[in-house]
Amino acid sequence: MSREPGWWRYDAAARRLTLTLHVQPGARRSGFAGMHGDALKVRIAAPASGNRANAQLIGFLSAALDVPGSAVAIRRGATGRRKVVEISGGPGLAARIAGLV
């Protein structure tokens, strides 16, 4: 088994991928932007006000990883830039996230 980077981990027993993200709201377009310290930086094209950036982050991650939006949840950091996100799904999630960045 390959070693996982520090910003994500997959728990096979729980079938859950956990990501540590640094989110930049108000970007020109949404996308992955490389590393920001020990977190993956994600640019989101929605403003932070009214929880719109969080909603778009969930939509962006669900589309990028090909999972339903209901499988994506922000567990910590809903009001800040640094977030911990959990995504429910099979072991293919780890391969998909590694292939995207």
PDB file of N, CA and C in Angstrom:
ATOM      1  N   MET A   1       0.843  -1.188   0.000  1.00  0.00           N
ATOM      2  CA  MET A   1       0.000   0.000   0.000  1.00  0.00           C
ATOM      3  C   MET A   1       0.882   1.243   0.000  1.00  0.00           C
ATOM      4  N   SER A   2       0.520   2.234  -0.815  1.00  0.00           N
ATOM      5  CA  SER A   2       1.331   3.453  -0.893  1.00  0.00           C
ATOM      6  C   SER A   2       1.049   4.356   0.302  1.00  0.00           C
ATOM      7  N   ARG A   3       2.023   5.172   0.609  1.00  0.00           N
ATOM      8  CA  ARG A   3       1.891   6.095   1.732  1.00  0.00           C
ATOM      9  C   ARG A   3       1.055   7.287   1.297  1.00  0.00           C
ATOM     10  N   GLU A   4       0.107   7.666   2.112  1.00  0.00           N
ATOM     11  CA  GLU A   4      -0.770   8.788   1.809  1.00  0.00           C
ATOM     12  C   GLU A   4      -0.089  10.101   2.183  1.00  0.00           C
ATOM     13  N   PRO A   5      -0.312  11.171   1.394  1.00  0.00           N
ATOM     14  CA  PRO A   5       0.200  12.485   1.795  1.00  0.00           C
ATOM     15  C   PRO A   5      -0.506  12.950   3.067  1.00  0.00           C
ATOM     16  N   GLY A   6       0.048  13.927   3.737  1.00  0.00           N
ATOM     17  CA  GLY A   6      -0.508  14.388   5.007  1.00  0.00           C
ATOM     18  C   GLY A   6      -1.844  15.087   4.918  1.00  0.00           C
ATOM     19  N   TRP A   7      -2.247  15.573   3.758  1.00  0.00           N
ATOM     20  CA  TRP A   7      -3.491  16.342   3.639  1.00  0.00           C
ATOM     21  C   TRP A   7      -4.710  15.470   3.395  1.00  0.00           C
ATOM     22  N   TRP A   8      -4.534  14.173   3.160  1.00  0.00           N
ATOM     23  CA  TRP A   8      -5.681  13.280   3.021  1.00  0.00           C
ATOM     24  C   TRP A   8      -5.366  11.913   3.603  1.00  0.00           C
ATOM     25  N   ARG A   9      -6.445  11.227   3.996  1.00  0.00           N
ATOM     26  CA  ARG A   9      -6.302   9.842   4.450  1.00  0.00           C
ATOM     27  C   ARG A   9      -7.610   9.115   4.163  1.00  0.00           C
ATOM     28  N   TYR A  10      -7.474   7.836   3.886  1.00  0.00           N
ATOM     29  CA  TYR A  10      -8.648   7.014   3.593  1.00  0.00           C
ATOM     30  C   TYR A  10      -8.774   5.957   4.664  1.00  0.00           C
ATOM     31  N   ASP A  11      -9.942   5.896   5.293  1.00  0.00           N
ATOM     32  CA  ASP A  11     -10.250   4.899   6.311  1.00  0.00           C
ATOM     33  C   ASP A  11     -11.098   3.828   5.642  1.00  0.00           C
ATOM     34  N   ALA A  12     -10.469   2.680   5.332  1.00  0.00           N
ATOM     35  CA  ALA A  12     -11.155   1.615   4.603  1.00  0.00           C
ATOM     36  C   ALA A  12     -12.303   1.025   5.413  1.00  0.00           C
ATOM     37  N   ALA A  13     -12.136   0.911   6.727  1.00  0.00           N
ATOM     38  CA  ALA A  13     -13.187   0.331   7.565  1.00  0.00           C
ATOM     39  C   ALA A  13     -14.446   1.198   7.550  1.00  0.00           C
ATOM     40  N   ALA A  14     -14.268   2.511   7.613  1.00  0.00           N
ATOM     41  CA  ALA A  14     -15.408   3.440   7.608  1.00  0.00           C
ATOM     42  C   ALA A  14     -15.819   3.850   6.194  1.00  0.00           C
ATOM     43  N   ARG A  15     -14.987   3.488   5.194  1.00  0.00           N
ATOM     44  CA  ARG A  15     -15.210   3.879   3.795  1.00  0.00           C
ATOM     45  C   ARG A  15     -15.355   5.403   3.694  1.00  0.00           C
ATOM     46  N   ARG A  16     -14.324   6.091   4.241  1.00  0.00           N
ATOM     47  CA  ARG A  16     -14.391   7.548   4.328  1.00  0.00           C
ATOM     48  C   ARG A  16     -13.030   8.153   3.982  1.00  0.00           C
ATOM     49  N   LEU A  17     -13.049   9.149   3.105  1.00  0.00           N
ATOM     50  CA  LEU A  17     -11.865   9.925   2.748  1.00  0.00           C
ATOM     51  C   LEU A  17     -11.928  11.234   3.516  1.00  0.00           C
ATOM     52  N   THR A  18     -10.852  11.588   4.208  1.00  0.00           N
ATOM     53  CA  THR A  18     -10.784  12.832   4.967  1.00  0.00           C
ATOM     54  C   THR A  18      -9.740  13.732   4.316  1.00  0.00           C
ATOM     55  N   LEU A  19     -10.129  14.968   3.990  1.00  0.00           N
ATOM     56  CA  LEU A  19      -9.246  15.936   3.341  1.00  0.00           C
ATOM     57  C   LEU A  19      -9.044  17.145   4.238  1.00  0.00           C
ATOM     58  N   THR A  20      -7.819  17.658   4.268  1.00  0.00           N
ATOM     59  CA  THR A  20      -7.536  18.938   4.913  1.00  0.00           C
ATOM     60  C   THR A  20      -7.329  19.940   3.789  1.00  0.00           C
ATOM     61  N   LEU A  21      -8.166  20.984   3.762  1.00  0.00           N
ATOM     62  CA  LEU A  21      -8.168  21.936   2.660  1.00  0.00           C
ATOM     63  C   LEU A  21      -7.950  23.354   3.153  1.00  0.00           C
ATOM     64  N   HIS A  22      -7.319  24.146   2.301  1.00  0.00           N
ATOM     65  CA  HIS A  22      -7.255  25.596   2.486  1.00  0.00           C
ATOM     66  C   HIS A  22      -8.090  26.165   1.347  1.00  0.00           C
ATOM     67  N   VAL A  23      -9.217  26.795   1.669  1.00  0.00           N
ATOM     68  CA  VAL A  23     -10.174  27.238   0.661  1.00  0.00           C
ATOM     69  C   VAL A  23     -10.057  28.742   0.461  1.00  0.00           C
ATOM     70  N   GLN A  24      -9.959  29.146  -0.812  1.00  0.00           N
ATOM     71  CA  GLN A  24      -9.911  30.556  -1.182  1.00  0.00           C
ATOM     72  C   GLN A  24     -11.211  30.907  -1.900  1.00  0.00           C
ATOM     73  N   PRO A  25     -12.155  31.543  -1.192  1.00  0.00           N
ATOM     74  CA  PRO A  25     -13.410  31.935  -1.852  1.00  0.00           C
ATOM     75  C   PRO A  25     -13.201  33.170  -2.723  1.00  0.00           C
ATOM     76  N   GLY A  26     -14.151  33.404  -3.624  1.00  0.00           N
ATOM     77  CA  GLY A  26     -14.107  34.601  -4.459  1.00  0.00           C
ATOM     78  C   GLY A  26     -13.087  34.531  -5.579  1.00  0.00           C
ATOM     79  N   ALA A  27     -12.651  33.349  -5.958  1.00  0.00           N
ATOM     80  CA  ALA A  27     -11.676  33.193  -7.033  1.00  0.00           C
ATOM     81  C   ALA A  27     -12.355  33.390  -8.389  1.00  0.00           C
ATOM     82  N   ARG A  28     -11.567  33.589  -9.406  1.00  0.00           N
ATOM     83  CA  ARG A  28     -12.104  33.755 -10.757  1.00  0.00           C
ATOM     84  C   ARG A  28     -12.832  32.493 -11.207  1.00  0.00           C
ATOM     85  N   ARG A  29     -12.235  31.314 -10.925  1.00  0.00           N
ATOM     86  CA  ARG A  29     -12.900  30.040 -11.211  1.00  0.00           C
ATOM     87  C   ARG A  29     -12.470  29.012 -10.187  1.00  0.00           C
ATOM     88  N   SER A  30     -13.282  28.004 -10.014  1.00  0.00           N
ATOM     89  CA  SER A  30     -13.010  26.961  -9.027  1.00  0.00           C
ATOM     90  C   SER A  30     -11.991  25.965  -9.581  1.00  0.00           C
ATOM     91  N   GLY A  31     -11.130  25.463  -8.677  1.00  0.00           N
ATOM     92  CA  GLY A  31     -10.146  24.466  -9.083  1.00  0.00           C
ATOM     93  C   GLY A  31      -9.150  24.196  -7.977  1.00  0.00           C
ATOM     94  N   PHE A  32      -8.386  23.125  -8.165  1.00  0.00           N
ATOM     95  CA  PHE A  32      -7.309  22.795  -7.239  1.00  0.00           C
ATOM     96  C   PHE A  32      -6.118  23.682  -7.563  1.00  0.00           C
ATOM     97  N   ALA A  33      -5.429  24.170  -6.528  1.00  0.00           N
ATOM     98  CA  ALA A  33      -4.357  25.145  -6.732  1.00  0.00           C
ATOM     99  C   ALA A  33      -3.053  24.724  -6.070  1.00  0.00           C
ATOM    100  N   GLY A  34      -2.829  23.438  -5.842  1.00  0.00           N
ATOM    101  CA  GLY A  34      -1.576  22.988  -5.250  1.00  0.00           C
ATOM    102  C   GLY A  34      -1.629  22.969  -3.737  1.00  0.00           C
ATOM    103  N   MET A  35      -0.475  22.919  -3.145  1.00  0.00           N
ATOM    104  CA  MET A  35      -0.385  22.801  -1.695  1.00  0.00           C
ATOM    105  C   MET A  35      -0.279  24.175  -1.036  1.00  0.00           C
ATOM    106  N   HIS A  36      -0.818  24.251   0.170  1.00  0.00           N
ATOM    107  CA  HIS A  36      -0.713  25.445   1.019  1.00  0.00           C
ATOM    108  C   HIS A  36      -0.333  24.926   2.400  1.00  0.00           C
ATOM    109  N   GLY A  37       0.958  24.839   2.672  1.00  0.00           N
ATOM    110  CA  GLY A  37       1.427  24.238   3.916  1.00  0.00           C
ATOM    111  C   GLY A  37       1.105  22.754   3.903  1.00  0.00           C
ATOM    112  N   ASP A  38       0.369  22.288   4.908  1.00  0.00           N
ATOM    113  CA  ASP A  38       0.020  20.870   4.989  1.00  0.00           C
ATOM    114  C   ASP A  38      -1.402  20.603   4.501  1.00  0.00           C
ATOM    115  N   ALA A  39      -1.964  21.520   3.711  1.00  0.00           N
ATOM    116  CA  ALA A  39      -3.327  21.374   3.201  1.00  0.00           C
ATOM    117  C   ALA A  39      -3.333  21.583   1.690  1.00  0.00           C
ATOM    118  N   LEU A  40      -4.313  21.002   1.035  1.00  0.00           N
ATOM    119  CA  LEU A  40      -4.511  21.224  -0.395  1.00  0.00           C
ATOM    120  C   LEU A  40      -5.302  22.516  -0.563  1.00  0.00           C
ATOM    121  N   LYS A  41      -4.820  23.405  -1.428  1.00  0.00           N
ATOM    122  CA  LYS A  41      -5.519  24.667  -1.670  1.00  0.00           C
ATOM    123  C   LYS A  41      -6.550  24.462  -2.768  1.00  0.00           C
ATOM    124  N   VAL A  42      -7.770  24.935  -2.491  1.00  0.00           N
ATOM    125  CA  VAL A  42      -8.872  24.855  -3.446  1.00  0.00           C
ATOM    126  C   VAL A  42      -9.424  26.260  -3.625  1.00  0.00           C
ATOM    127  N   ARG A  43      -9.476  26.706  -4.872  1.00  0.00           N
ATOM    128  CA  ARG A  43     -10.089  28.000  -5.179  1.00  0.00           C
ATOM    129  C   ARG A  43     -11.558  27.772  -5.512  1.00  0.00           C
ATOM    130  N   ILE A  44     -12.415  28.612  -4.946  1.00  0.00           N
ATOM    131  CA  ILE A  44     -13.857  28.503  -5.154  1.00  0.00           C
ATOM    132  C   ILE A  44     -14.360  29.838  -5.707  1.00  0.00           C
ATOM    133  N   ALA A  45     -15.164  29.771  -6.768  1.00  0.00           N
ATOM    134  CA  ALA A  45     -15.616  30.979  -7.467  1.00  0.00           C
ATOM    135  C   ALA A  45     -16.778  31.686  -6.786  1.00  0.00           C
ATOM    136  N   ALA A  46     -17.254  31.191  -5.690  1.00  0.00           N
ATOM    137  CA  ALA A  46     -18.364  31.830  -4.974  1.00  0.00           C
ATOM    138  C   ALA A  46     -17.822  32.669  -3.818  1.00  0.00           C
ATOM    139  N   PRO A  47     -18.530  33.736  -3.456  1.00  0.00           N
ATOM    140  CA  PRO A  47     -18.106  34.525  -2.292  1.00  0.00           C
ATOM    141  C   PRO A  47     -18.372  33.776  -0.995  1.00  0.00           C
ATOM    142  N   ALA A  48     -17.658  34.161   0.050  1.00  0.00           N
ATOM    143  CA  ALA A  48     -17.798  33.495   1.347  1.00  0.00           C
ATOM    144  C   ALA A  48     -19.117  33.837   2.036  1.00  0.00           C
ATOM    145  N   SER A  49     -19.717  34.947   1.688  1.00  0.00           N
ATOM    146  CA  SER A  49     -20.929  35.381   2.379  1.00  0.00           C
ATOM    147  C   SER A  49     -22.103  34.451   2.093  1.00  0.00           C
ATOM    148  N   GLY A  50     -22.954  34.315   3.086  1.00  0.00           N
ATOM    149  CA  GLY A  50     -24.154  33.518   2.940  1.00  0.00           C
ATOM    150  C   GLY A  50     -23.911  32.034   2.747  1.00  0.00           C
ATOM    151  N   ASN A  51     -22.762  31.557   3.158  1.00  0.00           N
ATOM    152  CA  ASN A  51     -22.419  30.133   3.070  1.00  0.00           C
ATOM    153  C   ASN A  51     -22.341  29.627   1.621  1.00  0.00           C
ATOM    154  N   ARG A  52     -22.251  30.550   0.659  1.00  0.00           N
ATOM    155  CA  ARG A  52     -22.235  30.150  -0.749  1.00  0.00           C
ATOM    156  C   ARG A  52     -20.940  29.432  -1.129  1.00  0.00           C
ATOM    157  N   ALA A  53     -19.810  29.849  -0.556  1.00  0.00           N
ATOM    158  CA  ALA A  53     -18.546  29.181  -0.877  1.00  0.00           C
ATOM    159  C   ALA A  53     -18.551  27.740  -0.372  1.00  0.00           C
ATOM    160  N   ASN A  54     -19.101  27.504   0.812  1.00  0.00           N
ATOM    161  CA  ASN A  54     -19.175  26.129   1.333  1.00  0.00           C
ATOM    162  C   ASN A  54     -20.056  25.262   0.445  1.00  0.00           C
ATOM    163  N   ALA A  55     -21.181  25.795   0.012  1.00  0.00           N
ATOM    164  CA  ALA A  55     -22.081  25.035  -0.863  1.00  0.00           C
ATOM    165  C   ALA A  55     -21.397  24.720  -2.190  1.00  0.00           C
ATOM    166  N   GLN A  56     -20.677  25.703  -2.739  1.00  0.00           N
ATOM    167  CA  GLN A  56     -19.992  25.453  -4.005  1.00  0.00           C
ATOM    168  C   GLN A  56     -18.811  24.501  -3.816  1.00  0.00           C
ATOM    169  N   LEU A  57     -18.131  24.566  -2.672  1.00  0.00           N
ATOM    170  CA  LEU A  57     -17.050  23.623  -2.385  1.00  0.00           C
ATOM    171  C   LEU A  57     -17.578  22.191  -2.385  1.00  0.00           C
ATOM    172  N   ILE A  58     -18.706  21.967  -1.741  1.00  0.00           N
ATOM    173  CA  ILE A  58     -19.300  20.623  -1.715  1.00  0.00           C
ATOM    174  C   ILE A  58     -19.652  20.172  -3.132  1.00  0.00           C
ATOM    175  N   GLY A  59     -20.234  21.056  -3.918  1.00  0.00           N
ATOM    176  CA  GLY A  59     -20.564  20.727  -5.302  1.00  0.00           C
ATOM    177  C   GLY A  59     -19.334  20.463  -6.143  1.00  0.00           C
ATOM    178  N   PHE A  60     -18.298  21.278  -5.959  1.00  0.00           N
ATOM    179  CA  PHE A  60     -17.061  21.107  -6.708  1.00  0.00           C
ATOM    180  C   PHE A  60     -16.402  19.770  -6.386  1.00  0.00           C
ATOM    181  N   LEU A  61     -16.293  19.441  -5.095  1.00  0.00           N
ATOM    182  CA  LEU A  61     -15.667  18.177  -4.702  1.00  0.00           C
ATOM    183  C   LEU A  61     -16.489  16.976  -5.164  1.00  0.00           C
ATOM    184  N   SER A  62     -17.805  17.067  -5.075  1.00  0.00           N
ATOM    185  CA  SER A  62     -18.629  15.931  -5.501  1.00  0.00           C
ATOM    186  C   SER A  62     -18.485  15.704  -7.007  1.00  0.00           C
ATOM    187  N   ALA A  63     -18.402  16.766  -7.788  1.00  0.00           N
ATOM    188  CA  ALA A  63     -18.218  16.621  -9.233  1.00  0.00           C
ATOM    189  C   ALA A  63     -16.814  16.102  -9.567  1.00  0.00           C
ATOM    190  N   ALA A  64     -15.798  16.649  -8.895  1.00  0.00           N
ATOM    191  CA  ALA A  64     -14.419  16.255  -9.175  1.00  0.00           C
ATOM    192  C   ALA A  64     -14.154  14.798  -8.807  1.00  0.00           C
ATOM    193  N   LEU A  65     -14.803  14.308  -7.748  1.00  0.00           N
ATOM    194  CA  LEU A  65     -14.567  12.944  -7.281  1.00  0.00           C
ATOM    195  C   LEU A  65     -15.666  11.976  -7.700  1.00  0.00           C
ATOM    196  N   ASP A  66     -16.651  12.469  -8.452  1.00  0.00           N
ATOM    197  CA  ASP A  66     -17.743  11.646  -8.965  1.00  0.00           C
ATOM    198  C   ASP A  66     -18.493  10.924  -7.845  1.00  0.00           C
ATOM    199  N   VAL A  67     -18.901  11.707  -6.849  1.00  0.00           N
ATOM    200  CA  VAL A  67     -19.724  11.191  -5.744  1.00  0.00           C
ATOM    201  C   VAL A  67     -20.930  12.119  -5.593  1.00  0.00           C
ATOM    202  N   PRO A  68     -22.019  11.644  -5.008  1.00  0.00           N
ATOM    203  CA  PRO A  68     -23.162  12.549  -4.783  1.00  0.00           C
ATOM    204  C   PRO A  68     -22.815  13.623  -3.754  1.00  0.00           C
ATOM    205  N   GLY A  69     -23.462  14.764  -3.860  1.00  0.00           N
ATOM    206  CA  GLY A  69     -23.231  15.852  -2.919  1.00  0.00           C
ATOM    207  C   GLY A  69     -23.511  15.463  -1.486  1.00  0.00           C
ATOM    208  N   SER A  70     -24.433  14.542  -1.290  1.00  0.00           N
ATOM    209  CA  SER A  70     -24.762  14.099   0.063  1.00  0.00           C
ATOM    210  C   SER A  70     -23.628  13.299   0.705  1.00  0.00           C
ATOM    211  N   ALA A  71     -22.658  12.857  -0.089  1.00  0.00           N
ATOM    212  CA  ALA A  71     -21.523  12.100   0.443  1.00  0.00           C
ATOM    213  C   ALA A  71     -20.415  13.012   0.963  1.00  0.00           C
ATOM    214  N   VAL A  72     -20.517  14.317   0.714  1.00  0.00           N
ATOM    215  CA  VAL A  72     -19.489  15.285   1.097  1.00  0.00           C
ATOM    216  C   VAL A  72     -19.992  16.110   2.277  1.00  0.00           C
ATOM    217  N   ALA A  73     -19.179  16.204   3.332  1.00  0.00           N
ATOM    218  CA  ALA A  73     -19.561  16.980   4.513  1.00  0.00           C
ATOM    219  C   ALA A  73     -18.366  17.746   5.051  1.00  0.00           C
ATOM    220  N   ILE A  74     -18.580  19.006   5.415  1.00  0.00           N
ATOM    221  CA  ILE A  74     -17.545  19.808   6.064  1.00  0.00           C
ATOM    222  C   ILE A  74     -17.626  19.497   7.550  1.00  0.00           C
ATOM    223  N   ARG A  75     -16.594  18.882   8.103  1.00  0.00           N
ATOM    224  CA  ARG A  75     -16.597  18.463   9.506  1.00  0.00           C
ATOM    225  C   ARG A  75     -16.030  19.520  10.436  1.00  0.00           C
ATOM    226  N   ARG A  76     -15.045  20.279   9.968  1.00  0.00           N
ATOM    227  CA  ARG A  76     -14.459  21.348  10.792  1.00  0.00           C
ATOM    228  C   ARG A  76     -14.114  22.520   9.899  1.00  0.00           C
ATOM    229  N   GLY A  77     -14.263  23.722  10.437  1.00  0.00           N
ATOM    230  CA  GLY A  77     -13.830  24.919   9.737  1.00  0.00           C
ATOM    231  C   GLY A  77     -14.844  25.530   8.797  1.00  0.00           C
ATOM    232  N   ALA A  78     -16.104  25.332   9.046  1.00  0.00           N
ATOM    233  CA  ALA A  78     -17.136  25.846   8.133  1.00  0.00           C
ATOM    234  C   ALA A  78     -17.074  27.366   7.983  1.00  0.00           C
ATOM    235  N   THR A  79     -16.576  28.081   8.997  1.00  0.00           N
ATOM    236  CA  THR A  79     -16.523  29.547   8.903  1.00  0.00           C
ATOM    237  C   THR A  79     -15.125  30.079   8.610  1.00  0.00           C
ATOM    238  N   GLY A  80     -14.162  29.210   8.450  1.00  0.00           N
ATOM    239  CA  GLY A  80     -12.793  29.645   8.172  1.00  0.00           C
ATOM    240  C   GLY A  80     -12.303  29.125   6.833  1.00  0.00           C
ATOM    241  N   ARG A  81     -11.082  29.480   6.493  1.00  0.00           N
ATOM    242  CA  ARG A  81     -10.488  29.010   5.239  1.00  0.00           C
ATOM    243  C   ARG A  81      -9.966  27.588   5.344  1.00  0.00           C
ATOM    244  N   ARG A  82      -9.496  27.200   6.507  1.00  0.00           N
ATOM    245  CA  ARG A  82      -8.977  25.844   6.696  1.00  0.00           C
ATOM    246  C   ARG A  82     -10.134  24.930   7.090  1.00  0.00           C
ATOM    247  N   LYS A  83     -10.342  23.890   6.295  1.00  0.00           N
ATOM    248  CA  LYS A  83     -11.484  23.013   6.497  1.00  0.00           C
ATOM    249  C   LYS A  83     -11.039  21.554   6.501  1.00  0.00           C
ATOM    250  N   VAL A  84     -11.764  20.740   7.247  1.00  0.00           N
ATOM    251  CA  VAL A  84     -11.617  19.290   7.195  1.00  0.00           C
ATOM    252  C   VAL A  84     -12.915  18.772   6.604  1.00  0.00           C
ATOM    253  N   VAL A  85     -12.788  18.077   5.481  1.00  0.00           N
ATOM    254  CA  VAL A  85     -13.943  17.585   4.737  1.00  0.00           C
ATOM    255  C   VAL A  85     -13.900  16.065   4.716  1.00  0.00           C
ATOM    256  N   GLU A  86     -15.042  15.432   4.944  1.00  0.00           N
ATOM    257  CA  GLU A  86     -15.151  13.979   4.861  1.00  0.00           C
ATOM    258  C   GLU A  86     -16.034  13.616   3.676  1.00  0.00           C
ATOM    259  N   ILE A  87     -15.575  12.590   2.929  1.00  0.00           N
ATOM    260  CA  ILE A  87     -16.305  12.126   1.757  1.00  0.00           C
ATOM    261  C   ILE A  87     -16.509  10.630   1.907  1.00  0.00           C
ATOM    262  N   SER A  88     -17.754  10.204   1.867  1.00  0.00           N
ATOM    263  CA  SER A  88     -18.084   8.787   1.988  1.00  0.00           C
ATOM    264  C   SER A  88     -17.991   8.137   0.618  1.00  0.00           C
ATOM    265  N   GLY A  89     -17.422   6.918   0.597  1.00  0.00           N
ATOM    266  CA  GLY A  89     -17.339   6.186  -0.661  1.00  0.00           C
ATOM    267  C   GLY A  89     -16.327   5.063  -0.592  1.00  0.00           C
ATOM    268  N   GLY A  90     -16.218   4.352  -1.676  1.00  0.00           N
ATOM    269  CA  GLY A  90     -15.344   3.189  -1.743  1.00  0.00           C
ATOM    270  C   GLY A  90     -13.877   3.551  -1.875  1.00  0.00           C
ATOM    271  N   PRO A  91     -13.024   2.530  -1.957  1.00  0.00           N
ATOM    272  CA  PRO A  91     -11.572   2.742  -2.019  1.00  0.00           C
ATOM    273  C   PRO A  91     -11.112   3.467  -3.277  1.00  0.00           C
ATOM    274  N   GLY A  92     -11.952   3.560  -4.286  1.00  0.00           N
ATOM    275  CA  GLY A  92     -11.582   4.313  -5.489  1.00  0.00           C
ATOM    276  C   GLY A  92     -11.412   5.798  -5.256  1.00  0.00           C
ATOM    277  N   LEU A  93     -11.961   6.302  -4.147  1.00  0.00           N
ATOM    278  CA  LEU A  93     -11.814   7.730  -3.824  1.00  0.00           C
ATOM    279  C   LEU A  93     -10.353   8.123  -3.668  1.00  0.00           C
ATOM    280  N   ALA A  94      -9.574   7.286  -3.008  1.00  0.00           N
ATOM    281  CA  ALA A  94      -8.166   7.598  -2.787  1.00  0.00           C
ATOM    282  C   ALA A  94      -7.433   7.725  -4.114  1.00  0.00           C
ATOM    283  N   ALA A  95      -7.714   6.835  -5.037  1.00  0.00           N
ATOM    284  CA  ALA A  95      -7.073   6.900  -6.350  1.00  0.00           C
ATOM    285  C   ALA A  95      -7.514   8.147  -7.122  1.00  0.00           C
ATOM    286  N   ARG A  96      -8.797   8.500  -7.006  1.00  0.00           N
ATOM    287  CA  ARG A  96      -9.306   9.682  -7.713  1.00  0.00           C
ATOM    288  C   ARG A  96      -8.684  10.963  -7.186  1.00  0.00           C
ATOM    289  N   ILE A  97      -8.570  11.100  -5.863  1.00  0.00           N
ATOM    290  CA  ILE A  97      -8.000  12.348  -5.323  1.00  0.00           C
ATOM    291  C   ILE A  97      -6.517  12.445  -5.666  1.00  0.00           C
ATOM    292  N   ALA A  98      -5.813  11.327  -5.629  1.00  0.00           N
ATOM    293  CA  ALA A  98      -4.398  11.336  -5.970  1.00  0.00           C
ATOM    294  C   ALA A  98      -4.208  11.682  -7.453  1.00  0.00           C
ATOM    295  N   GLY A  99      -5.139  11.274  -8.290  1.00  0.00           N
ATOM    296  CA  GLY A  99      -5.039  11.568  -9.725  1.00  0.00           C
ATOM    297  C   GLY A  99      -5.417  12.972 -10.098  1.00  0.00           C
ATOM    298  N   LEU A 100      -6.131  13.683  -9.252  1.00  0.00           N
ATOM    299  CA  LEU A 100      -6.582  15.037  -9.579  1.00  0.00           C
ATOM    300  C   LEU A 100      -5.545  16.111  -9.318  1.00  0.00           C
ATOM    301  N   VAL A 101      -4.672  15.858  -8.369  1.00  0.00           N
ATOM    302  CA  VAL A 101      -3.717  16.921  -7.987  1.00  0.00           C
ATOM    303  C   VAL A 101      -2.297  16.529  -8.275  1.00  0.00           C
TER     304      VAL A 101
END
